[in-house]
C-alpha atoms as a PDB file:
ATOM      1  CA  MET A   1      29.034 -34.792 112.214  1.00  0.00           C
ATOM      2  CA  THR A   2      32.692 -33.957 111.974  1.00  0.00           C
ATOM      3  CA  GLU A   3      33.400 -37.528 110.837  1.00  0.00           C
ATOM      4  CA  LYS A   4      32.082 -36.396 107.437  1.00  0.00           C
ATOM      5  CA  LEU A   5      34.162 -33.085 107.518  1.00  0.00           C
ATOM      6  CA  ILE A   6      36.905 -32.547 105.089  1.00  0.00           C
ATOM      7  CA  ILE A   7      39.211 -29.576 104.963  1.00  0.00           C
ATOM      8  CA  ARG A   8      40.252 -28.636 101.383  1.00  0.00           C
ATOM      9  CA  ARG A   9      41.529 -25.806  99.370  1.00  0.00           C
ATOM     10  CA  ALA A  10      38.725 -23.356  98.395  1.00  0.00           C
ATOM     11  CA  ARG A  11      37.483 -23.361  94.786  1.00  0.00           C
ATOM     12  CA  GLU A  12      35.951 -20.601  92.803  1.00  0.00           C
ATOM     13  CA  THR A  13      32.642 -22.305  93.065  1.00  0.00           C
ATOM     14  CA  ASP A  14      32.732 -21.960  96.793  1.00  0.00           C
ATOM     15  CA  LEU A  15      32.716 -18.141  96.529  1.00  0.00           C
ATOM     16  CA  PRO A  16      28.946 -17.674  97.019  1.00  0.00           C
ATOM     17  CA  ALA A  17      29.017 -19.709 100.244  1.00  0.00           C
ATOM     18  CA  LEU A  18      32.158 -17.898 101.526  1.00  0.00           C
ATOM     19  CA  ILE A  19      30.760 -14.480 100.746  1.00  0.00           C
ATOM     20  CA  ALA A  20      27.519 -15.520 102.638  1.00  0.00           C
ATOM     21  CA  LEU A  21      29.564 -16.691 105.615  1.00  0.00           C
ATOM     22  CA  PHE A  22      31.491 -13.297 105.836  1.00  0.00           C
ATOM     23  CA  ALA A  23      28.292 -11.228 105.141  1.00  0.00           C
ATOM     24  CA  ALA A  24      26.444 -12.863 107.985  1.00  0.00           C
ATOM     25  CA  ASP A  25      29.261 -11.862 110.455  1.00  0.00           C
ATOM     26  CA  ASP A  26      27.716  -9.064 112.368  1.00  0.00           C
ATOM     27  CA  VAL A  27      30.757  -8.629 114.654  1.00  0.00           C
ATOM     28  CA  GLY A  28      33.577  -8.374 112.149  1.00  0.00           C
ATOM     29  CA  GLY A  29      32.574  -5.124 110.598  1.00  0.00           C
ATOM     30  CA  HIS A  30      34.385  -5.822 107.377  1.00  0.00           C
ATOM     31  CA  GLY A  31      31.618  -4.557 105.154  1.00  0.00           C
ATOM     32  CA  ASP A  32      31.008  -7.883 103.403  1.00  0.00           C
ATOM     33  CA  THR A  33      27.955  -8.288 101.341  1.00  0.00           C
ATOM     34  CA  THR A  34      26.114 -10.663  99.200  1.00  0.00           C
ATOM     35  CA  ASP A  35      25.147  -7.842  96.804  1.00  0.00           C
ATOM     36  CA  GLU A  36      26.033  -9.105  93.245  1.00  0.00           C
ATOM     37  CA  SER A  37      27.772  -5.830  92.458  1.00  0.00           C
ATOM     38  CA  ALA A  38      30.521  -6.890  94.884  1.00  0.00           C
ATOM     39  CA  TYR A  39      31.081 -10.330  93.436  1.00  0.00           C
ATOM     40  CA  GLU A  40      33.895  -9.088  91.158  1.00  0.00           C
ATOM     41  CA  ASP A  41      35.914  -7.761  94.100  1.00  0.00           C
ATOM     42  CA  TYR A  42      35.624 -11.186  95.820  1.00  0.00           C
ATOM     43  CA  LEU A  43      36.610 -13.032  92.597  1.00  0.00           C
ATOM     44  CA  ARG A  44      39.711 -10.815  92.116  1.00  0.00           C
ATOM     45  CA  ALA A  45      40.820 -11.412  95.720  1.00  0.00           C
ATOM     46  CA  PHE A  46      40.210 -15.150  95.307  1.00  0.00           C
ATOM     47  CA  ASN A  47      42.266 -15.309  92.131  1.00  0.00           C
ATOM     48  CA  VAL A  48      45.260 -13.457  93.928  1.00  0.00           C
ATOM     49  CA  ILE A  49      45.073 -15.774  96.951  1.00  0.00           C
ATOM     50  CA  ASP A  50      44.712 -18.921  94.870  1.00  0.00           C
ATOM     51  CA  ALA A  51      47.773 -18.031  92.690  1.00  0.00           C
ATOM     52  CA  SER A  52      49.893 -17.131  95.738  1.00  0.00           C
ATOM     53  CA  GLN A  53      52.734 -19.348  97.060  1.00  0.00           C
ATOM     54  CA  ASN A  54      52.345 -17.817 100.506  1.00  0.00           C
ATOM     55  CA  GLU A  55      48.531 -17.492 100.995  1.00  0.00           C
ATOM     56  CA  GLN A  56      45.991 -20.410 100.974  1.00  0.00           C
ATOM     57  CA  LEU A  57      42.203 -20.258 101.391  1.00  0.00           C
ATOM     58  CA  PHE A  58      40.481 -23.333 102.782  1.00  0.00           C
ATOM     59  CA  VAL A  59      36.939 -24.493 103.424  1.00  0.00           C
ATOM     60  CA  ALA A  60      35.405 -27.000 105.801  1.00  0.00           C
ATOM     61  CA  ASP A  61      33.103 -29.099 103.815  1.00  0.00           C
ATOM     62  CA  ILE A  62      30.500 -31.530 104.881  1.00  0.00           C
ATOM     63  CA  GLU A  63      29.075 -33.508 101.950  1.00  0.00           C
ATOM     64  CA  GLY A  64      29.695 -30.758  99.438  1.00  0.00           C
ATOM     65  CA  GLU A  65      28.382 -27.967 101.746  1.00  0.00           C
ATOM     66  CA  VAL A  66      30.661 -25.259 102.981  1.00  0.00           C
ATOM     67  CA  VAL A  67      30.352 -24.905 106.735  1.00  0.00           C
ATOM     68  CA  GLY A  68      33.551 -23.037 107.586  1.00  0.00           C
ATOM     69  CA  THR A  69      36.575 -21.308 106.227  1.00  0.00           C
ATOM     70  CA  PHE A  70      40.045 -19.957 107.155  1.00  0.00           C
ATOM     71  CA  GLU A  71      42.947 -18.439 105.344  1.00  0.00           C
ATOM     72  CA  ILE A  72      46.687 -19.001 106.134  1.00  0.00           C
ATOM     73  CA  MET A  73      49.616 -16.854 105.144  1.00  0.00           C
ATOM     74  CA  PHE A  74      53.250 -17.401 105.563  1.00  0.00           C
ATOM     75  CA  SER A  75      55.786 -14.647 106.379  1.00  0.00           C
ATOM     76  CA  ARG A  76      59.494 -14.679 107.095  1.00  0.00           C
ATOM     77  CA  THR A  77      61.177 -11.874 109.070  1.00  0.00           C
ATOM     78  CA  LEU A  78      64.717 -11.397 110.250  1.00  0.00           C
ATOM     79  CA  THR A  79      63.402 -11.492 113.941  1.00  0.00           C
ATOM     80  CA  ASP A  80      63.208 -14.753 115.705  1.00  0.00           C
ATOM     81  CA  ARG A  81      66.445 -15.728 113.821  1.00  0.00           C
ATOM     82  CA  GLY A  82      64.777 -15.397 110.379  1.00  0.00           C
ATOM     83  CA  SER A  83      62.036 -17.995 111.149  1.00  0.00           C
ATOM     84  CA  LEU A  84      58.925 -18.666 109.108  1.00  0.00           C
ATOM     85  CA  SER A  85      55.557 -18.075 110.697  1.00  0.00           C
ATOM     86  CA  MET A  86      51.965 -18.685 109.781  1.00  0.00           C
ATOM     87  CA  VAL A  87      49.220 -16.176 110.209  1.00  0.00           C
ATOM     88  CA  VAL A  88      45.614 -17.510 110.381  1.00  0.00           C
ATOM     89  CA  GLU A  89      42.914 -15.156 109.338  1.00  0.00           C
ATOM     90  CA  ALA A  90      39.214 -15.093 108.414  1.00  0.00           C
ATOM     91  CA  VAL A  91      38.306 -18.003 110.576  1.00  0.00           C
ATOM     92  CA  GLN A  92      34.539 -18.489 110.238  1.00  0.00           C
ATOM     93  CA  THR A  93      32.167 -21.347 111.065  1.00  0.00           C
ATOM     94  CA  ARG A  94      28.584 -21.046 109.810  1.00  0.00           C
ATOM     95  CA  SER A  95      26.411 -19.978 112.742  1.00  0.00           C
ATOM     96  CA  ASP A  96      24.184 -23.008 112.711  1.00  0.00           C
ATOM     97  CA  MET A  97      27.264 -25.294 112.714  1.00  0.00           C
ATOM     98  CA  ARG A  98      29.136 -23.790 115.678  1.00  0.00           C
ATOM     99  CA  GLY A  99      29.797 -25.943 118.688  1.00  0.00           C
ATOM    100  CA  LYS A 100      30.273 -29.096 116.664  1.00  0.00           C
ATOM    101  CA  GLY A 101      34.098 -29.179 116.484  1.00  0.00           C
ATOM    102  CA  ILE A 102      34.496 -27.700 113.028  1.00  0.00           C
ATOM    103  CA  GLY A 103      36.445 -24.705 114.262  1.00  0.00           C
ATOM    104  CA  ALA A 104      38.815 -26.905 116.111  1.00  0.00           C
ATOM    105  CA  ARG A 105      39.395 -29.176 113.060  1.00  0.00           C
ATOM    106  CA  MET A 106      40.202 -26.113 110.945  1.00  0.00           C
ATOM    107  CA  ILE A 107      42.679 -24.682 113.534  1.00  0.00           C
ATOM    108  CA  GLU A 108      44.319 -28.196 113.901  1.00  0.00           C
ATOM    109  CA  TYR A 109      44.658 -28.510 110.140  1.00  0.00           C
ATOM    110  CA  ALA A 110      46.317 -24.973 109.948  1.00  0.00           C
ATOM    111  CA  VAL A 111      48.648 -25.859 112.818  1.00  0.00           C
ATOM    112  CA  GLU A 112      49.652 -29.138 111.143  1.00  0.00           C
ATOM    113  CA  GLU A 113      50.372 -27.196 107.910  1.00  0.00           C
ATOM    114  CA  ALA A 114      52.552 -24.855 109.881  1.00  0.00           C
ATOM    115  CA  ARG A 115      54.477 -27.806 111.305  1.00  0.00           C
ATOM    116  CA  ARG A 116      54.791 -29.267 107.874  1.00  0.00           C
ATOM    117  CA  ARG A 117      56.277 -26.017 106.604  1.00  0.00           C
ATOM    118  CA  ASP A 118      58.538 -25.841 109.579  1.00  0.00           C
ATOM    119  CA  CYS A 119      57.006 -22.578 111.056  1.00  0.00           C
ATOM    120  CA  ARG A 120      58.321 -21.449 114.361  1.00  0.00           C
ATOM    121  CA  THR A 121      54.982 -19.779 115.363  1.00  0.00           C
ATOM    122  CA  VAL A 122      51.328 -19.600 114.382  1.00  0.00           C
ATOM    123  CA  ARG A 123      49.752 -16.258 114.962  1.00  0.00           C
ATOM    124  CA  LEU A 124      46.119 -15.225 114.632  1.00  0.00           C
ATOM    125  CA  THR A 125      44.015 -12.167 115.555  1.00  0.00           C
ATOM    126  CA  SER A 126      40.547 -12.097 116.716  1.00  0.00           C
ATOM    127  CA  ASN A 127      38.150  -9.046 117.163  1.00  0.00           C
ATOM    128  CA  MET A 128      38.237  -7.970 120.869  1.00  0.00           C
ATOM    129  CA  ALA A 129      34.465  -8.394 120.992  1.00  0.00           C
ATOM    130  CA  ARG A 130      34.710 -12.151 120.147  1.00  0.00           C
ATOM    131  CA  THR A 131      35.246 -13.291 123.786  1.00  0.00           C
ATOM    132  CA  ASP A 132      33.859 -16.740 123.023  1.00  0.00           C
ATOM    133  CA  ALA A 133      36.364 -17.184 120.192  1.00  0.00           C
ATOM    134  CA  HIS A 134      39.227 -16.074 122.631  1.00  0.00           C
ATOM    135  CA  ARG A 135      38.332 -18.762 125.023  1.00  0.00           C
ATOM    136  CA  PHE A 136      38.192 -21.234 122.113  1.00  0.00           C
ATOM    137  CA  TYR A 137      41.554 -20.386 120.897  1.00  0.00           C
ATOM    138  CA  GLU A 138      43.080 -20.556 124.403  1.00  0.00           C
ATOM    139  CA  ARG A 139      41.568 -24.078 124.746  1.00  0.00           C
ATOM    140  CA  LEU A 140      43.460 -24.967 121.568  1.00  0.00           C
ATOM    141  CA  GLY A 141      46.724 -23.788 123.039  1.00  0.00           C
ATOM    142  CA  PHE A 142      47.054 -20.214 121.857  1.00  0.00           C
ATOM    143  CA  ALA A 143      48.102 -17.618 124.291  1.00  0.00           C
ATOM    144  CA  LYS A 144      47.371 -13.859 124.363  1.00  0.00           C
ATOM    145  CA  SER A 145      50.815 -12.369 123.795  1.00  0.00           C
ATOM    146  CA  HIS A 146      50.545  -9.107 121.898  1.00  0.00           C
ATOM    147  CA  PHE A 147      48.167  -6.138 121.720  1.00  0.00           C
ATOM    148  CA  GLY A 148      47.214  -5.397 118.070  1.00  0.00           C
ATOM    149  CA  PHE A 149      46.482  -2.126 116.377  1.00  0.00           C
ATOM    150  CA  LYS A 150      44.743  -1.425 113.027  1.00  0.00           C
ATOM    151  CA  MET A 151      44.435   1.624 110.893  1.00  0.00           C
ATOM    152  CA  LYS A 152      41.566   1.711 108.430  1.00  0.00           C
ATOM    153  CA  LEU A 153      42.579   3.437 105.163  1.00  0.00           C
ATOM    154  CA  LYS A 154      39.385   2.996 103.185  1.00  0.00           C
END
């Protein structure tokens, strides 16, 4: 199945499929919804991401069908000798497509993009409840190195 998989930049026409992916996530707790009244919020966010030089939203596509997604962001800090790093966020594979190598292909694509941009590190976070995802990321070469904190403002 992954032989037909392509990773490409997300398009506005992908939004319904992406929203459905996020809304189906019962672990993330992000409040995503397929309610039509929320569509403009997603569209605004998509347009900001799409126009950014430091953010890119991708989809995993099999024969025109969105089966996964991830977003990459680039940041430079003075620490680590001013290096550039990539943050990978919002990694999702459609539930009926998990275990088929799609997630691995998405992460490999992100890591290759980090190498192409000469990043020193690739970081990602994963909900503490996603123990299967943690094992998946470790199999791909990621190591648990930090403990994260989050403060909800809204």
